[in-house]
Structure formats: C-alpha cells, structure tokens
C-alpha cells in the first residue's frame, strides 16, 4: 500500500491520520513558526489553536459582508 501511495502522490513519505485536524497539526508543526502571521477566512477553533500553540498569530481576513446572510 505504501508503494501505491508513493506512486500516486510522488511523495516518499506520508502520515496517515484519522482526522483532518491531526493532519493539520502535523503540517503546521513543519510550516508555522513563532512570529508568523497566518491569514484565513474564519479559522476553525482547532486551526486557530494549532497556530497559537506555535506562538504565531491567526489573522481573520473575513469581510464584514460575509456575516450578513
């Protein structure tokens, strides 16, 4: 199975997770560093937590019209 995943994705390494939030945690541990500013549209609570845990700042870029449904 590992070779099949490598053939499809082209990646030598992989990390299987049971939920996207765990995959996000792994990804953020490699990419998000202290002092970074991470823009997004209304970060999920777990996403915001993963960012803040790494001493970075989540920046909500949602425009005000998005809240007027």
N, C-alpha and C. Protein backbone atom coordinates (compact mmCIF):
# COMPACT_ATOMS: atom_id res chain seq x y z
N UNK A 1 0.82 -1.19 0.00
CA UNK A 1 0.00 0.00 0.00
C UNK A 1 0.87 1.26 0.00
N UNK A 2 1.95 1.24 0.75
CA UNK A 2 2.82 2.41 0.81
C UNK A 2 3.37 2.74 -0.57
N UNK A 3 3.77 1.73 -1.32
CA UNK A 3 4.30 1.98 -2.68
C UNK A 3 3.23 2.56 -3.59
N UNK A 4 1.99 2.11 -3.41
CA UNK A 4 0.89 2.65 -4.22
C UNK A 4 0.69 4.13 -3.93
N UNK A 5 0.72 4.50 -2.66
CA UNK A 5 0.57 5.91 -2.27
C UNK A 5 1.72 6.72 -2.83
N UNK A 6 2.93 6.18 -2.75
CA UNK A 6 4.09 6.90 -3.29
C UNK A 6 3.97 7.07 -4.80
N UNK A 7 3.48 6.05 -5.49
CA UNK A 7 3.33 6.12 -6.94
C UNK A 7 2.29 7.17 -7.34
N UNK A 8 1.19 7.25 -6.59
CA UNK A 8 0.12 8.19 -6.91
C UNK A 8 0.50 9.63 -6.56
N UNK A 9 1.07 9.82 -5.38
CA UNK A 9 1.36 11.18 -4.91
C UNK A 9 2.73 11.69 -5.32
N UNK A 10 3.66 10.78 -5.54
CA UNK A 10 5.02 11.19 -5.85
C UNK A 10 5.83 11.54 -4.61
N UNK A 11 5.24 11.36 -3.43
CA UNK A 11 5.91 11.68 -2.18
C UNK A 11 6.53 10.42 -1.58
N UNK A 12 7.76 10.55 -1.08
CA UNK A 12 8.44 9.41 -0.47
C UNK A 12 7.83 9.07 0.90
N UNK A 13 7.42 10.11 1.63
CA UNK A 13 6.91 9.90 2.99
C UNK A 13 5.44 10.28 3.08
N UNK A 14 4.75 9.69 4.03
CA UNK A 14 3.34 10.01 4.25
C UNK A 14 3.04 9.87 5.74
N UNK A 15 1.95 10.49 6.15
CA UNK A 15 1.49 10.36 7.53
C UNK A 15 -0.01 10.11 7.48
N UNK A 16 -0.43 8.97 7.93
CA UNK A 16 -1.86 8.64 7.95
C UNK A 16 -2.46 9.22 9.23
N UNK A 17 -3.56 9.92 9.09
CA UNK A 17 -4.24 10.48 10.25
C UNK A 17 -5.71 10.10 10.20
N UNK A 18 -6.36 10.08 11.35
CA UNK A 18 -7.78 9.70 11.40
C UNK A 18 -8.70 10.90 11.20
N UNK A 19 -8.16 12.10 11.33
CA UNK A 19 -8.96 13.30 11.14
C UNK A 19 -8.10 14.39 10.51
N UNK A 20 -8.76 15.31 9.81
CA UNK A 20 -8.02 16.40 9.16
C UNK A 20 -7.30 17.27 10.18
N UNK A 21 -7.87 17.44 11.38
CA UNK A 21 -7.22 18.30 12.37
C UNK A 21 -5.86 17.74 12.78
N UNK A 22 -5.70 16.43 12.76
CA UNK A 22 -4.39 15.84 13.08
C UNK A 22 -3.41 16.06 11.94
N UNK A 23 -3.90 15.94 10.71
CA UNK A 23 -3.06 16.24 9.55
C UNK A 23 -2.61 17.68 9.57
N UNK A 24 -3.53 18.57 9.92
CA UNK A 24 -3.22 19.99 10.03
C UNK A 24 -2.15 20.22 11.11
N UNK A 25 -2.28 19.53 12.22
CA UNK A 25 -1.31 19.67 13.31
C UNK A 25 0.09 19.26 12.84
N UNK A 26 0.17 18.17 12.10
CA UNK A 26 1.47 17.71 11.58
C UNK A 26 2.02 18.74 10.58
N UNK A 27 1.17 19.20 9.67
CA UNK A 27 1.59 20.18 8.67
C UNK A 27 2.06 21.47 9.32
N UNK A 28 1.29 21.97 10.28
CA UNK A 28 1.64 23.21 10.95
C UNK A 28 2.93 23.09 11.75
N UNK A 29 3.20 21.90 12.29
CA UNK A 29 4.44 21.73 13.05
C UNK A 29 5.66 21.92 12.15
N UNK A 30 5.50 21.67 10.86
CA UNK A 30 6.61 21.85 9.93
C UNK A 30 6.64 23.24 9.32
N UNK A 31 5.48 23.88 9.17
CA UNK A 31 5.42 25.13 8.42
C UNK A 31 5.27 26.40 9.26
N UNK A 32 4.57 26.32 10.39
CA UNK A 32 4.25 27.52 11.16
C UNK A 32 5.31 27.73 12.25
N UNK A 33 5.89 28.91 12.24
CA UNK A 33 6.95 29.24 13.21
C UNK A 33 6.55 30.43 14.06
N UNK A 34 7.18 30.57 15.21
CA UNK A 34 6.91 31.69 16.11
C UNK A 34 7.02 33.01 15.36
N UNK A 35 6.02 33.87 15.56
CA UNK A 35 6.01 35.18 14.94
C UNK A 35 5.32 35.22 13.57
N UNK A 36 5.02 34.06 13.00
CA UNK A 36 4.32 34.04 11.70
C UNK A 36 2.92 34.61 11.85
N UNK A 37 2.40 35.17 10.77
CA UNK A 37 1.01 35.61 10.70
C UNK A 37 0.36 34.73 9.65
N UNK A 38 -0.72 34.03 10.05
CA UNK A 38 -1.39 33.07 9.18
C UNK A 38 -2.77 33.61 8.81
N UNK A 39 -2.94 34.12 7.57
CA UNK A 39 -4.24 34.65 7.17
C UNK A 39 -5.23 33.53 6.86
N UNK A 40 -6.50 33.82 7.03
CA UNK A 40 -7.54 32.86 6.70
C UNK A 40 -8.90 33.48 6.82
N UNK A 41 -9.90 32.76 6.37
CA UNK A 41 -11.30 33.19 6.47
C UNK A 41 -11.96 32.44 7.61
N UNK A 42 -12.07 33.08 8.77
CA UNK A 42 -12.72 32.49 9.94
C UNK A 42 -12.12 31.13 10.29
N UNK A 43 -10.91 31.14 10.80
CA UNK A 43 -10.22 29.90 11.19
C UNK A 43 -11.11 29.04 12.10
N UNK A 44 -11.11 27.73 11.88
CA UNK A 44 -11.76 26.82 12.82
C UNK A 44 -11.07 26.96 14.18
N UNK A 45 -11.76 26.60 15.24
CA UNK A 45 -11.17 26.68 16.59
C UNK A 45 -9.87 25.89 16.68
N UNK A 46 -9.87 24.67 16.12
CA UNK A 46 -8.66 23.84 16.21
C UNK A 46 -7.53 24.44 15.37
N UNK A 47 -7.87 25.01 14.22
CA UNK A 47 -6.85 25.65 13.38
C UNK A 47 -6.22 26.82 14.12
N UNK A 48 -7.06 27.64 14.71
CA UNK A 48 -6.57 28.78 15.49
C UNK A 48 -5.68 28.30 16.64
N UNK A 49 -6.10 27.24 17.30
CA UNK A 49 -5.32 26.67 18.39
C UNK A 49 -3.97 26.16 17.94
N UNK A 50 -3.93 25.47 16.79
CA UNK A 50 -2.66 24.97 16.27
C UNK A 50 -1.71 26.12 15.94
N UNK A 51 -2.26 27.20 15.43
CA UNK A 51 -1.44 28.37 15.10
C UNK A 51 -0.91 29.03 16.37
N UNK A 52 -1.80 29.29 17.32
CA UNK A 52 -1.41 29.98 18.56
C UNK A 52 -0.46 29.13 19.40
N UNK A 53 -0.61 27.81 19.37
CA UNK A 53 0.29 26.92 20.11
C UNK A 53 1.73 27.11 19.66
N UNK A 54 1.91 27.47 18.39
CA UNK A 54 3.24 27.67 17.84
C UNK A 54 3.69 29.13 17.95
N UNK A 55 2.96 29.90 18.77
CA UNK A 55 3.28 31.32 19.02
C UNK A 55 3.25 32.15 17.74
N UNK A 56 2.33 31.79 16.86
CA UNK A 56 2.08 32.56 15.65
C UNK A 56 0.71 33.23 15.82
N UNK A 57 0.32 34.07 14.87
CA UNK A 57 -0.93 34.81 15.01
C UNK A 57 -1.86 34.48 13.85
N UNK A 58 -3.08 33.98 14.16
CA UNK A 58 -4.07 33.79 13.11
C UNK A 58 -4.69 35.15 12.75
N UNK A 59 -4.78 35.45 11.48
CA UNK A 59 -5.34 36.71 11.03
C UNK A 59 -6.63 36.42 10.25
N UNK A 60 -7.76 36.85 10.80
CA UNK A 60 -9.05 36.63 10.16
C UNK A 60 -9.27 37.69 9.09
N UNK A 61 -9.34 37.27 7.85
CA UNK A 61 -9.50 38.19 6.71
C UNK A 61 -10.93 38.20 6.18
N UNK A 62 -11.88 37.67 6.94
CA UNK A 62 -13.27 37.62 6.51
C UNK A 62 -13.83 39.03 6.39
N UNK A 63 -14.44 39.34 5.27
CA UNK A 63 -15.03 40.67 5.09
C UNK A 63 -16.37 40.73 5.84
N UNK A 64 -16.78 41.92 6.24
CA UNK A 64 -17.98 42.09 7.05
C UNK A 64 -19.25 41.59 6.36
N UNK A 65 -19.30 41.68 5.03
CA UNK A 65 -20.47 41.22 4.31
C UNK A 65 -20.72 39.71 4.47
N UNK A 66 -19.69 38.96 4.79
CA UNK A 66 -19.84 37.52 4.98
C UNK A 66 -20.74 37.18 6.16
N UNK A 67 -20.85 38.11 7.12
CA UNK A 67 -21.68 37.86 8.31
C UNK A 67 -23.12 38.31 8.12
N UNK A 68 -23.45 38.90 6.98
CA UNK A 68 -24.80 39.37 6.69
C UNK A 68 -25.48 38.39 5.74
N UNK A 69 -25.95 37.29 6.32
CA UNK A 69 -26.60 36.27 5.49
C UNK A 69 -28.07 36.53 5.33
